[in-house]
Each structure stands twice: as C-alpha cells, then as structure tokens.
Amino acid sequence: MAKVNIISLGCPRNQLDSEIIAGSLKKHGFAITGTARNADLCVINTCAFTRSAREESVERIVEAAALKRAGGIGRLVICGCLPQLYKGKLASQLREADLIIGTSDFPKLPGLLKKINRSRTIVSDTPDYLYDEKSPRSIFTPPHYAYVKISEGCSNFCSYCIISRLRGAFRSRSIDSVIEEIKHLAGPGKLKEIILIGQDTTLFGIDRYGKIVFPELLRRICALRNSVKWLRILYTHPAHYTGEFLAVVRGEEKICKYLDLPIQHISDPVLKRMNRHVTRKEITGLIGNLRKNIPGLALRTSIIVGFPGETDKDFEELLTFVRDTKFERLGAFIYSREDGTRAAGFSAQIPEKVKQERFDILMKAQQAVSLGVNKRYLGRTVEVLIDEKVKGEKKRFLGRTRLDAPEIDGTVYVSGDNIKSGGIYKVKIKDTLEYDLIGEKV
C-alpha cells in the first residue's frame, strides 16, 4: 500500500481541507503516514494569508524538495493557497513538484495522480469547491473534538485581505448537510466538542437562503440527541451579529460562552480604511450588549497593528481600548502588505520598526490583562476537557475550559488520578500564569 504524508500549514480551515485530502487518498488505497521520509507521496497544503505564512510554506516546500532529490520522497504535491495566489508561476521555480493544485482542486487529486505526467499545474481561476457530509474525511484532531466548516470563501472585502482571491466568494453549506456531518462525527460517542469554522460564520446562509440562518443552525445542532457536550463558534464578524444569535448563544447550554470576535482595530479612520463595515460605537455597543446578556462570556479578539495611516493617536486609542475592555483572549498581528489588496496601495505605510514596537507594546498590555483575567479563577472549580498527557509525567495532563479553543488559547495543567484524554473533569484552580491555569482534579 502506497504511503502518503500530508503536511498541513495554517489555520483550522486549512487543516480541514487536509483532512478531506487524506480521506480522498485513503479511499483510493493510500495509507497515511506521519513522516515525509520514505513516503511514496508527500502533499504540502500551504497557507498564503500573510507574508510569514508564505515564508513558512516555502520553507517546508524547500525541505521536502531536498528530501525528494535525496530519494527520500517518491512524488511531491503542492496544494492550497500558495498555488492559488501565484497560479502558474510556481511551476518553473518548484521543479521537484510533480503536481501543483489550488484551493478548489484538491478533491481531484486521486484522479490527477494517475496522469501526473500530463499536467503539473491545476489551479481553478474561480475557487468554488465546498465540501459536504458525503466528502471522504480523515480526522487529524484527537477523537474528542472536531472542526466543521459551515461555509467557504468571503465577500466582505476587507482592504488588507486576500481571502477572496484564495478562496472565492462566500458560500454556505446547507443546514441539512452540516447536521448530517455532525451526526456522523458524533456517532462513535467519543466526540465531546464540535468547533464551527468558516471565513464568517455569523453570515451563514445569506447566499443560500436569502437571509442569515446561523441561529437556526445552532438550534438544530443543539437539539441533536447524543451529539456533543460543547459547541464552539469561531470566526464571527462584528457587523453580522443579530439579536437572535445572541439569544441562542445565551439560551443553549451546549454552546460555549466563548465568542471569537475579531475587531482588528477600534479607531474609526482605521476601521474605515480597513473596510470593516463597522464603527467604534457599534463595536463598543456590541461588546457591552454581549457581556450584559451572556453571563460568564469570554471574548477572543484579533488586532492588526501598523495598518497604513495608523497614527500615534490611532494606536493610543487602540491601546487604551484594549486595556479598558479587558478581552479575555486576544491575538495581535503586524500588518502585512499583501500584493493585490487595496491596502497595499495606500499611502502612509508604517515602517517595520514602528509596527514591531507597537506590536510589542500591545502584547505587553494584553499580558497584564490576561494575568488579571486568570487570577479570577484562583480557588474556583471549573470543567476541563483533557486534550493530552504531559510528556514525561505520570499524573499531569493538559486540558481546556469551555472558554478556551484548542491550539489558540491558554491551557489548564491538571494533576490527579484516573484522568484520560477526552474526559471532562471538575478541576480546582490552584495557581495562575499569564495565559495558563494550574489545577487539581476534584
């Protein structure tokens, strides 16, 4: 049986694509292996969202190409966002690659491998692929949680973003398709958490049903018997929140009281240049409404520093807002000037040194906020979902609360007897760090 190694780079949305690739290849007789060395086929699913992501993708490709030249890999396939961005330009630079395919072309991979000598680059001009409940899939996550992508592409056209070029226009799956997939995933009974993802989950259904039906989807998922205990929502957009959505999040016990709400900035001039379709007043009003109406809510946000034209005043406004709002979770990014975006042509581009300084100041401020947030947990008992055992320690495990997404947020170090990965336990918090908690099973 031919062995295939899949290297998945980037976000959970990309990982899910890699799971579809793995499922398709397994269906056609390939065996998945965890190492590229001595693999008959190595597939690198690239990310091209930012400059650093592209650099990582190129680095991994170079490593795989060297391994192939040394005879350690049979065939090499490059797929995903990097080929979609550069289309036919990669072939001349990546001569070791046997096949280069885009974000909508990986379902064709098993068939393309049979005629690999005829065409080396297959990239659709308009990405339109959308997987469904019938798509073969090999889950990469532990058995107790899984991602479900409810939509693909984006039509928000933020001025700094290339997602629409990489993934195409926003398109939703049907409600029934999502429900059937979750039924299938939850069938064996080990699944504890479903994480809903998409480029803009809050806009779900607008293209297919003529209106936003995300609240209906959430109610349908929560009504499933024996499905999951935790339902987590990622990648919402502040411009697309509705009162119905808030009511569902508040009222449904399965939905984690955790919302991923990327604001990107708070200064109105910057938000306008970003084309975020939302103002400072609307953001502050939304956050106030969320915290007032959803008890125990944790908000995660994303911030971009150094956007073109961001003045010292704009940055100070952002910094003060972050300190005052006290987001429970926050990730910051240095603005990356992406060719083909409107923002790339904006005047008043910020020097790299200034962008880095602002990033460091913001993250230092958030570190203090995070430490204060975590100290609230000292002495409290919380539910923790165990992800894995700490290597080299017999009775210490890593887990997460309902308010922490995997591989994004902090963790809980849990000590105790009779603990298993995938189990949910009551844990008393004994100590706190800047981003993590330390506790004992009770």
Protein backbone atom coordinates (compact mmCIF):
# COMPACT_ATOMS: atom_id res chain seq x y z
CA MET A 1 0.00 0.00 0.00
CA ALA A 2 1.43 3.40 -1.03
CA LYS A 3 2.23 5.75 1.87
CA VAL A 4 1.29 9.44 1.85
CA ASN A 5 2.46 12.14 4.23
CA ILE A 6 0.34 15.28 4.47
CA ILE A 7 1.87 18.48 5.82
CA SER A 8 -0.91 20.91 6.77
CA LEU A 9 0.01 24.55 7.30
CA GLY A 10 -2.09 27.48 8.51
CA CYS A 11 -5.41 27.67 10.30
CA PRO A 12 -8.05 25.06 11.23
CA ARG A 13 -9.88 25.80 7.98
CA ASN A 14 -6.81 24.67 6.09
CA GLN A 15 -6.46 21.64 8.35
CA LEU A 16 -9.98 20.55 7.47
CA ASP A 17 -9.05 20.71 3.78
CA SER A 18 -6.08 18.49 4.60
CA GLU A 19 -8.46 16.04 6.27
CA ILE A 20 -10.51 15.91 3.06
CA ILE A 21 -7.32 15.29 1.06
CA ALA A 22 -6.37 12.48 3.44
CA GLY A 23 -9.84 10.97 3.25
CA SER A 24 -9.84 11.05 -0.55
CA LEU A 25 -6.43 9.39 -0.77
CA LYS A 26 -7.29 6.72 1.81
CA LYS A 27 -10.41 5.92 -0.20
CA HIS A 28 -8.14 5.29 -3.19
CA GLY A 29 -5.78 2.94 -1.38
CA PHE A 30 -3.18 5.21 0.20
CA ALA A 31 -2.04 4.80 3.81
CA ILE A 32 -1.43 7.97 5.85
CA THR A 33 1.99 8.24 7.49
CA GLY A 34 3.24 10.81 9.98
CA THR A 35 6.61 11.40 8.33
CA ALA A 36 7.68 12.54 4.87
CA ARG A 37 10.81 10.41 4.82
CA ASN A 38 10.31 7.29 2.70
CA ALA A 39 6.76 8.32 1.79
CA ASP A 40 5.58 7.43 -1.70
CA LEU A 41 3.74 10.74 -1.82
CA CYS A 42 4.18 13.97 0.16
CA VAL A 43 1.37 16.56 0.00
CA ILE A 44 2.03 20.05 1.35
CA ASN A 45 -1.18 22.02 1.92
CA THR A 46 0.12 25.59 2.01
CA CYS A 47 -1.02 28.83 3.63
CA ALA A 48 -0.53 32.20 1.93
CA PHE A 49 -2.62 34.52 4.10
CA THR A 50 0.35 36.60 5.28
CA ARG A 51 4.00 37.04 4.36
CA SER A 52 5.13 34.94 7.32
CA ALA A 53 2.70 32.16 6.33
CA ARG A 54 4.06 32.19 2.78
CA GLU A 55 7.62 32.07 4.08
CA GLU A 56 6.78 29.04 6.23
CA SER A 57 5.13 27.33 3.26
CA VAL A 58 8.16 27.95 1.05
CA GLU A 59 10.49 26.69 3.78
CA ARG A 60 8.59 23.42 4.10
CA ILE A 61 8.49 23.02 0.32
CA VAL A 62 12.25 23.54 0.09
CA GLU A 63 12.82 20.92 2.80
CA ALA A 64 10.57 18.42 1.01
CA ALA A 65 12.22 19.15 -2.35
CA ALA A 66 15.65 18.44 -0.87
CA LEU A 67 14.35 15.20 0.60
CA LYS A 68 12.94 14.20 -2.78
CA ARG A 69 16.25 14.91 -4.53
CA ALA A 70 17.93 12.65 -1.96
CA GLY A 71 15.47 9.87 -2.77
CA GLY A 72 13.51 10.16 0.48
CA ILE A 73 10.19 11.04 -1.19
CA GLY A 74 8.52 9.47 -4.19
CA ARG A 75 6.28 12.23 -5.52
CA LEU A 76 5.67 15.76 -4.24
CA VAL A 77 2.36 17.65 -4.46
CA ILE A 78 1.97 21.33 -3.54
CA CYS A 79 -1.60 22.46 -3.00
CA GLY A 80 -3.80 25.10 -1.42
CA CYS A 81 -3.43 28.83 -1.01
CA LEU A 82 0.11 29.36 -2.34
CA PRO A 83 -0.67 27.86 -5.78
CA GLN A 84 -3.99 29.71 -5.81
CA LEU A 85 -2.20 33.01 -5.20
CA TYR A 86 0.56 32.54 -7.75
CA LYS A 87 -1.22 30.20 -10.16
CA GLY A 88 1.18 29.05 -12.91
CA LYS A 89 4.19 30.98 -11.62
CA LEU A 90 5.29 28.26 -9.18
CA ALA A 91 5.99 25.50 -11.68
CA SER A 92 9.22 27.00 -13.02
CA GLN A 93 10.56 27.55 -9.50
CA LEU A 94 9.46 24.23 -8.00
CA ARG A 95 10.76 21.70 -10.48
CA GLU A 96 10.73 18.96 -7.83
CA ALA A 97 6.94 19.29 -7.54
CA ASP A 98 5.12 16.66 -9.57
CA LEU A 99 1.78 18.40 -9.20
CA ILE A 100 0.62 21.88 -8.13
CA ILE A 101 -3.08 22.40 -7.38
CA GLY A 102 -5.25 25.18 -5.97
CA THR A 103 -7.82 25.50 -3.19
CA SER A 104 -10.70 24.10 -5.24
CA ASP A 105 -8.75 21.37 -6.99
CA PHE A 106 -7.59 19.02 -4.22
CA PRO A 107 -10.70 16.78 -4.49
CA LYS A 108 -9.39 15.90 -7.96
CA LEU A 109 -6.06 14.74 -6.53
CA PRO A 110 -6.59 10.92 -6.70
CA GLY A 111 -7.52 11.15 -10.37
CA LEU A 112 -4.74 13.62 -11.18
CA LEU A 113 -2.13 11.32 -9.68
CA LYS A 114 -2.94 8.74 -12.34
CA LYS A 115 -1.97 11.16 -15.13
CA ILE A 116 0.60 13.19 -13.25
CA ASN A 117 2.96 13.44 -16.22
CA ARG A 118 0.42 15.17 -18.42
CA SER A 119 -0.23 18.29 -16.35
CA ARG A 120 1.78 19.72 -13.47
CA THR A 121 -0.34 22.77 -12.54
CA ILE A 122 -4.10 22.66 -11.99
CA VAL A 123 -5.49 25.84 -10.46
CA SER A 124 -9.10 26.98 -10.95
CA ASP A 125 -9.45 30.66 -11.81
CA THR A 126 -12.54 30.96 -9.62
CA PRO A 127 -12.41 28.79 -6.49
CA ASP A 128 -15.83 27.27 -5.90
CA TYR A 129 -15.30 23.97 -4.04
CA LEU A 130 -17.45 23.37 -0.97
CA TYR A 131 -17.22 20.06 0.84
CA ASP A 132 -20.31 18.35 2.25
CA GLU A 133 -21.30 15.48 4.53
CA LYS A 134 -20.51 12.95 1.81
CA SER A 135 -16.91 14.09 1.30
CA PRO A 136 -14.39 11.49 2.49
CA ARG A 137 -12.53 12.82 5.52
CA SER A 138 -9.77 11.53 7.78
CA ILE A 139 -9.80 13.44 11.07
CA PHE A 140 -6.44 14.82 12.25
CA THR A 141 -7.66 16.07 15.64
CA PRO A 142 -7.92 13.85 18.75
CA PRO A 143 -11.14 11.80 18.90
CA HIS A 144 -12.79 14.16 21.40
CA TYR A 145 -13.04 17.27 19.21
CA ALA A 146 -13.51 18.07 15.53
CA TYR A 147 -13.85 21.07 13.25
CA VAL A 148 -16.85 21.51 10.97
CA LYS A 149 -16.57 24.10 8.20
CA ILE A 150 -20.01 25.56 7.56
CA SER A 151 -19.03 27.96 4.77
CA GLU A 152 -16.18 28.79 2.43
CA GLY A 153 -14.81 31.96 0.86
CA CYS A 154 -15.53 35.56 1.79
CA SER A 155 -17.29 38.55 0.27
CA ASN A 156 -16.52 41.13 2.97
CA PHE A 157 -13.53 42.51 1.01
CA CYS A 158 -11.53 43.93 3.89
CA SER A 159 -8.90 46.12 2.25
CA TYR A 160 -5.94 44.21 3.76
CA CYS A 161 -7.17 40.69 2.99
CA ILE A 162 -6.60 38.29 0.08
CA ILE A 163 -9.02 35.58 1.20
CA SER A 164 -11.48 36.23 -1.63
CA ARG A 165 -8.62 35.65 -4.11
CA LEU A 166 -7.56 32.47 -2.36
CA ARG A 167 -10.97 31.03 -1.52
CA GLY A 168 -13.51 32.73 -3.76
CA ALA A 169 -16.85 34.29 -2.92
CA PHE A 170 -18.73 33.48 0.29
CA ARG A 171 -20.79 30.30 0.00
CA SER A 172 -22.65 28.37 2.67
CA ARG A 173 -23.37 24.69 3.05
CA SER A 174 -26.97 23.68 3.62
CA ILE A 175 -28.23 23.29 7.17
CA ASP A 176 -29.05 19.63 6.50
CA SER A 177 -25.53 18.95 5.20
CA VAL A 178 -23.94 20.34 8.38
CA ILE A 179 -26.35 18.42 10.59
CA GLU A 180 -25.71 15.13 8.80
CA GLU A 181 -21.95 15.57 9.12
CA ILE A 182 -22.19 16.25 12.85
CA LYS A 183 -24.40 13.18 13.30
CA HIS A 184 -21.75 11.10 11.57
CA LEU A 185 -18.86 12.57 13.56
CA ALA A 186 -20.67 12.11 16.86
CA GLY A 187 -21.77 8.57 16.06
CA PRO A 188 -18.98 6.61 17.82
CA GLY A 189 -19.65 8.50 21.06
CA LYS A 190 -16.13 9.77 21.81
CA LEU A 191 -16.70 13.26 20.45
CA LYS A 192 -17.12 15.92 23.13
CA GLU A 193 -16.68 19.17 21.21
CA ILE A 194 -17.64 20.50 17.78
CA ILE A 195 -15.94 23.68 16.59
CA LEU A 196 -17.76 25.58 13.85
CA ILE A 197 -15.48 27.40 11.41
CA GLY A 198 -15.72 29.44 8.20
CA GLN A 199 -14.44 32.78 6.94
CA ASP A 200 -17.51 34.46 8.52
CA THR A 201 -19.66 32.05 10.49
CA THR A 202 -22.19 34.73 11.51
CA LEU A 203 -23.17 35.27 7.86
CA PHE A 204 -24.09 31.62 7.38
CA GLY A 205 -26.94 31.06 4.92
CA ILE A 206 -27.20 34.55 3.43
CA ASP A 207 -26.24 33.30 -0.04
CA ARG A 208 -28.24 30.06 0.02
CA TYR A 209 -31.40 31.09 1.89
CA GLY A 210 -31.50 34.83 1.25
CA LYS A 211 -31.10 35.57 4.94
CA ILE A 212 -28.80 34.75 7.85
CA VAL A 213 -29.83 31.39 9.33
CA PHE A 214 -26.91 30.81 11.69
CA PRO A 215 -29.16 30.85 14.79
CA GLU A 216 -31.35 28.17 13.23
CA LEU A 217 -28.31 26.02 12.51
CA LEU A 218 -27.14 26.36 16.11
CA ARG A 219 -30.55 25.36 17.46
CA ARG A 220 -30.64 22.32 15.15
CA ILE A 221 -27.20 21.21 16.32
CA CYS A 222 -28.06 21.67 19.98
CA ALA A 223 -31.26 19.67 19.53
CA LEU A 224 -29.36 16.61 18.31
CA ARG A 225 -29.51 13.76 20.80
CA ASN A 226 -26.25 12.25 21.99
CA SER A 227 -24.24 14.64 19.84
CA VAL A 228 -21.68 16.68 21.80
CA LYS A 229 -21.37 18.43 25.15
CA TRP A 230 -19.59 21.54 23.86
CA LEU A 231 -20.33 23.57 20.72
CA ARG A 232 -17.77 26.29 19.97
CA ILE A 233 -18.06 29.13 17.45
CA LEU A 234 -15.03 30.69 15.73
CA TYR A 235 -14.55 33.46 13.14
CA THR A 236 -17.57 35.68 13.69
CA HIS A 237 -17.81 39.23 12.27
CA PRO A 238 -18.97 42.16 14.43
CA ALA A 239 -21.02 43.60 11.56
CA HIS A 240 -23.19 40.49 11.30
CA TYR A 241 -24.36 39.87 14.86
CA THR A 242 -28.11 39.70 15.43
CA GLY A 243 -30.31 39.68 18.50
CA GLU A 244 -31.47 36.18 17.59
CA PHE A 245 -27.88 34.95 17.52
CA LEU A 246 -27.21 36.42 20.98
CA ALA A 247 -30.35 34.81 22.36
CA VAL A 248 -29.35 31.38 21.05
CA VAL A 249 -25.81 31.63 22.45
CA ARG A 250 -27.20 32.66 25.82
CA GLY A 251 -30.00 30.10 25.92
CA GLU A 252 -28.35 26.93 24.62
CA GLU A 253 -26.35 25.12 27.30
CA LYS A 254 -24.15 23.27 24.80
CA ILE A 255 -22.85 26.47 23.23
CA CYS A 256 -19.63 27.54 24.93
CA LYS A 257 -19.95 31.07 26.27
CA TYR A 258 -16.95 31.98 24.18
CA LEU A 259 -17.10 34.14 21.10
CA ASP A 260 -14.33 34.80 18.61
CA LEU A 261 -14.94 38.46 17.68
CA PRO A 262 -12.10 39.89 15.56
CA ILE A 263 -12.38 43.69 15.73
CA GLN A 264 -8.98 44.33 14.01
CA HIS A 265 -8.92 47.95 15.30
CA ILE A 266 -11.03 50.50 17.16
CA SER A 267 -10.12 53.83 15.57
CA ASP A 268 -12.87 54.88 13.15
CA PRO A 269 -10.48 56.22 10.47
CA VAL A 270 -8.55 52.93 10.52
CA LEU A 271 -11.71 50.81 10.52
CA LYS A 272 -12.97 52.75 7.52
CA ARG A 273 -9.75 52.25 5.58
CA MET A 274 -9.87 48.56 6.50
CA ASN A 275 -13.42 48.39 5.06
CA ARG A 276 -14.66 46.60 8.17
CA HIS A 277 -18.29 47.79 7.79
CA VAL A 278 -18.43 48.67 11.48
CA THR A 279 -17.63 51.69 13.69
CA ARG A 280 -16.14 52.10 17.14
CA LYS A 281 -19.56 52.96 18.54
CA GLU A 282 -21.06 49.79 17.07
CA ILE A 283 -18.20 47.63 18.37
CA THR A 284 -18.37 49.05 21.91
CA GLY A 285 -22.15 48.75 21.89
CA LEU A 286 -21.96 45.13 20.75
CA ILE A 287 -19.36 44.19 23.37
CA GLY A 288 -21.41 45.85 26.12
CA ASN A 289 -24.55 44.05 24.95
CA LEU A 290 -22.76 40.70 24.80
CA ARG A 291 -21.30 40.96 28.29
CA LYS A 292 -24.56 42.21 29.74
CA ASN A 293 -26.69 39.47 28.23
CA ILE A 294 -24.40 36.42 28.26
CA PRO A 295 -23.21 35.71 31.82
CA GLY A 296 -19.67 34.34 32.09
CA LEU A 297 -18.84 35.23 28.49
CA ALA A 298 -15.21 35.13 27.29
CA LEU A 299 -14.39 37.26 24.27
CA ARG A 300 -11.49 36.49 21.96
CA THR A 301 -10.45 39.16 19.50
CA SER A 302 -7.81 39.79 16.85
CA ILE A 303 -5.98 43.08 16.36
CA ILE A 304 -3.88 44.40 13.46
CA VAL A 305 -1.20 46.95 14.35
CA GLY A 306 0.67 49.12 11.90
CA PHE A 307 -2.09 49.40 9.30
CA PRO A 308 -1.31 52.10 6.68
CA GLY A 309 -2.08 55.53 8.04
CA GLU A 310 -2.31 54.34 11.66
CA THR A 311 -1.19 57.43 13.58
CA ASP A 312 0.23 57.56 17.07
CA LYS A 313 -3.19 58.81 18.16
CA ASP A 314 -4.92 55.84 16.48
CA PHE A 315 -2.57 53.41 18.20
CA GLU A 316 -3.00 55.05 21.61
CA GLU A 317 -6.77 54.83 21.16
CA LEU A 318 -6.42 51.12 20.39
CA LEU A 319 -4.07 50.51 23.31
CA THR A 320 -6.37 52.28 25.77
CA PHE A 321 -9.34 50.35 24.43
CA VAL A 322 -7.58 47.00 24.90
CA ARG A 323 -6.58 47.90 28.47
CA ASP A 324 -10.08 49.10 29.34
CA THR A 325 -12.10 46.39 27.58
CA LYS A 326 -10.01 43.54 29.02
CA PHE A 327 -10.61 40.93 26.36
CA GLU A 328 -10.30 37.50 27.94
CA ARG A 329 -8.37 36.31 24.88
CA LEU A 330 -6.50 38.41 22.31
CA GLY A 331 -4.21 37.78 19.37
CA ALA A 332 -2.34 40.59 17.63
CA PHE A 333 -0.79 40.66 14.17
CA ILE A 334 1.60 43.03 12.48
CA TYR A 335 0.09 44.40 9.27
CA SER A 336 1.37 42.53 6.23
CA ARG A 337 1.36 44.41 2.93
CA GLU A 338 -0.24 41.98 0.51
CA ASP A 339 0.06 42.46 -3.24
CA GLY A 340 -3.31 42.73 -4.91
CA THR A 341 -5.09 44.24 -1.90
CA ARG A 342 -6.32 47.83 -1.82
CA ALA A 343 -4.35 48.48 1.37
CA ALA A 344 -1.10 47.62 -0.39
CA GLY A 345 -1.53 50.79 -2.45
CA PHE A 346 -2.43 53.04 0.46
CA SER A 347 -0.12 55.92 1.30
CA ALA A 348 1.48 56.34 4.73
CA GLN A 349 2.74 52.76 5.03
CA ILE A 350 4.17 52.26 8.53
CA PRO A 351 7.89 51.42 8.90
CA GLU A 352 8.57 47.87 10.05
CA LYS A 353 10.38 49.07 13.16
CA VAL A 354 7.37 51.14 14.26
CA LYS A 355 4.98 48.24 13.57
CA GLN A 356 7.09 45.92 15.71
CA GLU A 357 7.30 48.46 18.54
CA ARG A 358 3.53 48.90 18.55
CA PHE A 359 3.00 45.15 18.48
CA ASP A 360 5.32 44.66 21.49
CA ILE A 361 3.59 47.41 23.47
CA LEU A 362 0.13 46.00 22.74
CA MET A 363 1.07 42.44 23.65
CA LYS A 364 2.71 43.57 26.89
CA ALA A 365 -0.50 45.37 27.80
CA GLN A 366 -2.59 42.30 26.98
CA GLN A 367 -0.27 40.09 29.02
CA ALA A 368 -1.15 42.15 32.09
CA VAL A 369 -4.84 41.96 31.19
CA SER A 370 -4.64 38.19 30.73
CA LEU A 371 -2.91 37.69 34.07
CA GLY A 372 -5.68 39.67 35.77
CA VAL A 373 -8.35 37.65 33.99
CA ASN A 374 -6.73 34.37 35.03
CA LYS A 375 -6.43 35.43 38.67
CA ARG A 376 -10.22 35.48 38.83
CA TYR A 377 -10.09 31.68 38.57
CA LEU A 378 -7.90 31.17 41.63
CA GLY A 379 -9.71 28.86 44.04
CA ARG A 380 -12.59 28.23 41.65
CA THR A 381 -13.67 24.83 40.34
CA VAL A 382 -14.17 24.62 36.58
CA GLU A 383 -14.95 21.99 33.95
CA VAL A 384 -11.90 20.96 31.94
CA LEU A 385 -11.76 18.87 28.78
CA ILE A 386 -8.49 16.92 28.75
CA ASP A 387 -6.57 17.07 25.46
CA GLU A 388 -3.40 15.12 26.21
CA LYS A 389 -0.99 13.80 28.80
CA VAL A 390 2.06 15.90 29.68
CA LYS A 391 5.04 14.01 28.30
CA GLY A 392 7.30 12.51 30.92
CA GLU A 393 4.82 12.99 33.79
CA LYS A 394 2.54 10.23 35.08
CA LYS A 395 -0.28 12.25 36.58
CA ARG A 396 -0.24 15.57 34.74
CA PHE A 397 -2.40 16.46 31.78
CA LEU A 398 -3.18 19.40 29.51
CA GLY A 399 -6.77 20.48 29.11
CA ARG A 400 -9.07 23.39 28.32
CA THR A 401 -12.05 25.12 29.86
CA ARG A 402 -15.16 25.94 27.87
CA LEU A 403 -13.58 29.36 27.37
CA ASP A 404 -10.51 28.12 25.51
CA ALA A 405 -10.23 26.93 21.90
CA PRO A 406 -7.62 24.28 21.07
CA GLU A 407 -4.22 25.46 19.83
CA ILE A 408 -5.35 29.10 20.07
CA ASP A 409 -5.94 29.92 23.72
CA GLY A 410 -4.40 29.01 27.05
CA THR A 411 -4.40 25.60 28.68
CA VAL A 412 -5.05 24.11 32.11
CA TYR A 413 -2.36 21.91 33.67
CA VAL A 414 -4.33 19.26 35.55
CA SER A 415 -2.94 16.86 38.15
CA GLY A 416 -4.75 13.85 39.57
CA ASP A 417 -5.61 10.16 39.33
CA ASN A 418 -7.77 8.34 36.82
CA ILE A 419 -7.62 11.03 34.16
CA LYS A 420 -7.99 10.20 30.47
CA SER A 421 -7.67 12.25 27.31
CA GLY A 422 -11.12 13.22 26.07
CA GLY A 423 -12.64 13.19 29.55
CA ILE A 424 -14.33 16.19 31.15
CA TYR A 425 -13.46 16.69 34.84
CA LYS A 426 -14.06 19.14 37.65
CA VAL A 427 -10.78 20.90 38.38
CA LYS A 428 -9.94 23.26 41.23
CA ILE A 429 -7.56 26.03 40.15
CA LYS A 430 -4.54 26.25 42.46
CA ASP A 431 -2.33 28.71 40.57
CA THR A 432 -2.39 31.04 37.57
CA LEU A 433 0.10 32.15 34.92
CA GLU A 434 -0.17 34.88 32.26
CA TYR A 435 -2.07 32.65 29.85
CA ASP A 436 -2.47 29.26 31.58
CA LEU A 437 -4.06 27.81 34.69
CA ILE A 438 -2.83 25.11 37.08
CA GLY A 439 -5.27 22.88 38.94
CA GLU A 440 -6.14 19.55 40.50
CA LYS A 441 -8.92 17.15 39.70
CA VAL A 442 -11.58 17.11 42.43
